Protein backbone atom coordinates (compact mmCIF):
# COMPACT_ATOMS: atom_id res chain seq x y z
CA UNK A 1 -30.14 27.34 -50.84
CA UNK A 2 -27.14 28.11 -49.07
CA UNK A 3 -29.05 29.59 -46.22
CA UNK A 4 -30.88 26.40 -45.66
CA UNK A 5 -27.34 24.21 -45.58
CA UNK A 6 -25.73 26.67 -43.35
CA UNK A 7 -29.35 25.87 -41.17
CA UNK A 8 -29.34 22.63 -41.43
CA UNK A 9 -25.70 22.30 -40.06
CA UNK A 10 -26.60 25.09 -37.05
CA UNK A 11 -29.30 22.27 -35.89
CA UNK A 12 -27.39 19.37 -36.54
CA UNK A 13 -24.46 21.22 -34.35
CA UNK A 14 -26.81 22.50 -31.48
CA UNK A 15 -28.08 18.50 -31.81
CA UNK A 16 -24.44 17.29 -31.25
CA UNK A 17 -23.99 19.80 -28.25
CA UNK A 18 -26.70 18.57 -26.72
CA UNK A 19 -26.52 14.74 -26.77
CA UNK A 20 -23.30 15.60 -25.79
CA UNK A 21 -23.86 17.94 -22.78
CA UNK A 22 -26.85 14.89 -22.26
CA UNK A 23 -24.18 12.26 -21.96
CA UNK A 24 -21.94 14.23 -19.78
CA UNK A 25 -24.54 15.34 -17.44
CA UNK A 26 -25.49 11.21 -16.93
CA UNK A 27 -22.27 9.74 -16.65
CA UNK A 28 -21.28 12.61 -13.85
CA UNK A 29 -25.15 11.19 -12.41
CA UNK A 30 -23.92 7.31 -12.60
CA UNK A 31 -20.13 8.39 -11.55
CA UNK A 32 -22.20 9.62 -8.11
CA UNK A 33 -23.72 6.40 -7.43
CA UNK A 34 -20.80 4.07 -8.30
CA UNK A 35 -18.39 4.23 -5.51
CA UNK A 36 -15.17 2.19 -6.21
CA UNK A 37 -14.64 -0.39 -4.02
CA UNK A 38 -11.27 -1.90 -2.61
CA UNK A 39 -10.31 -4.96 -1.46
CA UNK A 40 -8.21 -5.71 1.82
CA UNK A 41 -4.37 -5.43 0.00
CA UNK A 42 -5.45 -2.41 -1.76
CA UNK A 43 -6.65 -1.18 1.49
CA UNK A 44 -3.38 -2.11 3.23
CA UNK A 45 -1.37 -0.55 0.56
CA UNK A 46 -3.02 2.79 0.47
CA UNK A 47 -2.73 2.84 4.69
CA UNK A 48 0.57 0.85 4.57
CA UNK A 49 3.20 2.85 6.76
CA UNK A 50 6.85 2.08 5.55
CA UNK A 51 9.38 1.05 8.21
CA UNK A 52 13.09 0.14 8.64
CA UNK A 53 13.10 -3.52 6.41
CA UNK A 54 11.40 -2.50 3.65
CA UNK A 55 12.50 -2.67 0.17
CA UNK A 56 10.91 0.04 -2.19
CA UNK A 57 10.60 0.62 -5.67
CA UNK A 58 10.86 4.56 -6.49
CA UNK A 59 9.76 5.17 -10.25
CA UNK A 60 10.12 8.36 -12.64
CA UNK A 61 8.47 8.04 -15.46
CA UNK A 62 11.12 8.77 -18.47
CA UNK A 63 13.73 9.65 -16.19
CA UNK A 64 15.72 6.00 -15.26
CA UNK A 65 18.25 7.51 -13.59
CA UNK A 66 15.73 8.71 -11.04
CA UNK A 67 14.50 5.44 -10.47
CA UNK A 68 15.57 3.09 -7.80
CA UNK A 69 15.50 0.13 -5.12
CA UNK A 70 15.96 0.81 -1.75
CA UNK A 71 16.18 -0.79 1.80
CA UNK A 72 14.82 1.05 4.06
CA UNK A 73 17.61 1.11 6.46
CA UNK A 74 17.25 1.95 10.87
CA UNK A 75 17.32 5.36 10.50
CA UNK A 76 14.10 5.58 8.59
CA UNK A 77 15.50 7.73 5.82
CA UNK A 78 17.15 7.05 2.19
CA UNK A 79 19.53 9.47 -0.18
CA UNK A 80 18.07 10.39 -3.25
CA UNK A 81 19.60 12.33 -5.85
CA UNK A 82 18.88 15.92 -6.32
CA UNK A 83 16.47 15.73 -3.04
CA UNK A 84 19.26 14.49 -0.21
CA UNK A 85 17.98 12.48 2.77
CA UNK A 86 14.46 11.70 3.10
CA UNK A 87 13.05 11.03 6.32
CA UNK A 88 10.37 8.59 4.93
CA UNK A 89 9.37 6.13 7.89
CA UNK A 90 5.82 5.64 8.98
CA UNK A 91 4.53 7.45 5.94
CA UNK A 92 2.12 6.13 3.40
CA UNK A 93 3.55 5.16 -0.27
CA UNK A 94 0.69 7.81 -1.55
CA UNK A 95 2.88 10.50 0.63
CA UNK A 96 6.56 9.20 -0.44
CA UNK A 97 5.59 9.59 -3.79
CA UNK A 98 4.09 13.10 -2.86
CA UNK A 99 7.48 13.76 -0.85
CA UNK A 100 9.45 13.32 -4.26
CA UNK A 101 6.97 14.36 -6.30
CA UNK A 102 7.25 18.00 -4.73
CA UNK A 103 11.13 17.80 -4.16
CA UNK A 104 11.84 17.07 -8.28
CA UNK A 105 8.79 19.55 -9.57
CA UNK A 106 9.86 23.17 -10.86
CA UNK A 107 13.68 23.43 -10.07
CA UNK A 108 14.86 19.69 -11.90
CA UNK A 109 11.72 18.30 -13.38
CA UNK A 110 8.33 20.08 -15.02
CA UNK A 111 5.53 18.00 -13.84
CA UNK A 112 7.17 14.71 -12.72
CA UNK A 113 5.17 11.60 -12.54
CA UNK A 114 6.43 9.41 -9.77
CA UNK A 115 5.27 6.04 -8.64
CA UNK A 116 6.06 3.98 -5.17
CA UNK A 117 5.98 0.59 -4.60
CA UNK A 118 6.79 -2.02 -2.10
CA UNK A 119 9.51 -5.09 -3.38
CA UNK A 120 9.57 -6.47 -0.04
CA UNK A 121 8.07 -5.97 2.94
CA UNK A 122 9.77 -5.71 6.41
CA UNK A 123 9.65 -9.61 8.19
CA UNK A 124 7.33 -10.65 10.52
CA UNK A 125 8.48 -12.71 13.99
CA UNK A 126 6.83 -15.68 15.42
CA UNK A 127 8.07 -17.24 19.13
CA UNK A 128 6.60 -19.95 21.31
CA UNK A 129 5.46 -23.15 20.06
CA UNK A 130 5.93 -23.33 17.00
CA UNK A 131 8.57 -25.73 15.66
CA UNK A 132 10.97 -23.41 13.66
CA UNK A 133 10.73 -19.62 15.56
CA UNK A 134 12.23 -16.70 13.90
CA UNK A 135 11.37 -14.28 11.32
CA UNK A 136 10.14 -14.78 8.19
CA UNK A 137 8.92 -12.95 4.42
CA UNK A 138 5.85 -11.33 5.08
CA UNK A 139 3.18 -12.11 2.72
CA UNK A 140 -0.34 -10.03 2.11
CA UNK A 141 -3.36 -11.80 3.24
CA UNK A 142 -0.94 -13.43 6.13
CA UNK A 143 -2.77 -14.75 8.95
CA UNK A 144 -1.39 -16.12 12.36
CA UNK A 145 -2.55 -19.91 10.90
CA UNK A 146 -0.13 -18.89 8.00
CA UNK A 147 2.33 -17.85 10.17
CA UNK A 148 2.81 -20.21 12.05
CA UNK A 149 2.89 -22.92 8.71
CA UNK A 150 5.61 -21.16 7.87
CA UNK A 151 7.70 -21.72 10.86
CA UNK A 152 6.92 -25.40 10.37
CA UNK A 153 3.82 -25.40 12.25
CA UNK A 154 2.36 -25.79 15.70
CA UNK A 155 3.79 -27.61 18.40
CA UNK A 156 1.54 -30.37 20.36
CA UNK A 157 1.74 -28.11 23.43
CA UNK A 158 0.43 -25.25 21.57
CA UNK A 159 -2.51 -23.21 22.89
CA UNK A 160 -4.80 -21.70 20.17
CA UNK A 161 -6.63 -19.74 22.85
CA UNK A 162 -3.78 -18.29 23.69
CA UNK A 163 -2.15 -16.37 20.48
CA UNK A 164 -0.57 -13.24 21.18
CA UNK A 165 1.01 -10.24 18.69
CA UNK A 166 2.69 -6.85 19.75
CA UNK A 167 1.94 -4.66 16.02
CA UNK A 168 4.44 -3.06 14.62
CA UNK A 169 1.56 -0.52 13.55
CA UNK A 170 0.42 0.52 17.52
CA UNK A 171 2.34 2.60 19.29
CA UNK A 172 1.83 1.25 23.11
CA UNK A 173 3.38 -2.06 21.64
CA UNK A 174 1.65 -3.76 24.10
CA UNK A 175 0.60 -7.72 23.27
CA UNK A 176 -3.11 -8.74 21.93
CA UNK A 177 -4.98 -11.68 21.87
CA UNK A 178 -5.45 -12.53 18.45
CA UNK A 179 -6.82 -16.40 16.77
CA UNK A 180 -5.59 -18.72 14.35
CA UNK A 181 -7.41 -16.61 11.87
CA UNK A 182 -6.24 -12.85 12.74
CA UNK A 183 -4.58 -10.94 10.20
CA UNK A 184 -1.00 -9.70 10.76
CA UNK A 185 1.05 -7.35 9.21
CA UNK A 186 4.74 -6.31 8.31
CA UNK A 187 7.37 -6.27 11.34
CA UNK A 188 4.34 -7.44 13.94
CA UNK A 189 5.83 -10.70 16.47
CA UNK A 190 3.45 -13.36 17.13
CA UNK A 191 3.75 -15.58 20.40
CA UNK A 192 1.73 -18.34 20.60
CA UNK A 193 2.13 -19.97 24.35
CA UNK A 194 2.05 -23.18 25.98
CA UNK A 195 -1.25 -25.32 26.87
CA UNK A 196 -1.41 -26.82 30.07
CA UNK A 197 -3.60 -29.50 29.40
């Protein structure tokens, strides 16, 4: 009788292993066909490059003395505990996380969990044929038309066919023609030209 119970137990154990392996294989196969969908806001966050005027939050899980909120100044550097000055201008949020993680790893922490996020983006600027030209707080998803609304709206002489943007993300800094529905980014300079008719 003991032999039969042992055999039955082993058979059940083998069946359970087969079920687990089948489920794991099925999960892996389905995972290949399920590619994550990234919306425009997430895509921007993944590709967004930090620059002067951005306010960021750095959090290290379980280490409140290493968690900070900082405004990136014109030098493009931040002063961070244990690591000193770090040049982060032009880096993505992920690259900043990795830089801090690598700096803290080993000498200071065993496996630091670092998270970096944007608290406030640097402002965008709008000039020309709007009622209140100037700098305004950037918000993700901002279009030229929404930016003009923040600036009091277009004047009656504004030309919707002569709108130009100098993108802060482009190194050449040349004005590019855009439409009212075009997206803008932090630090961009929008110029609304005058209509002659």
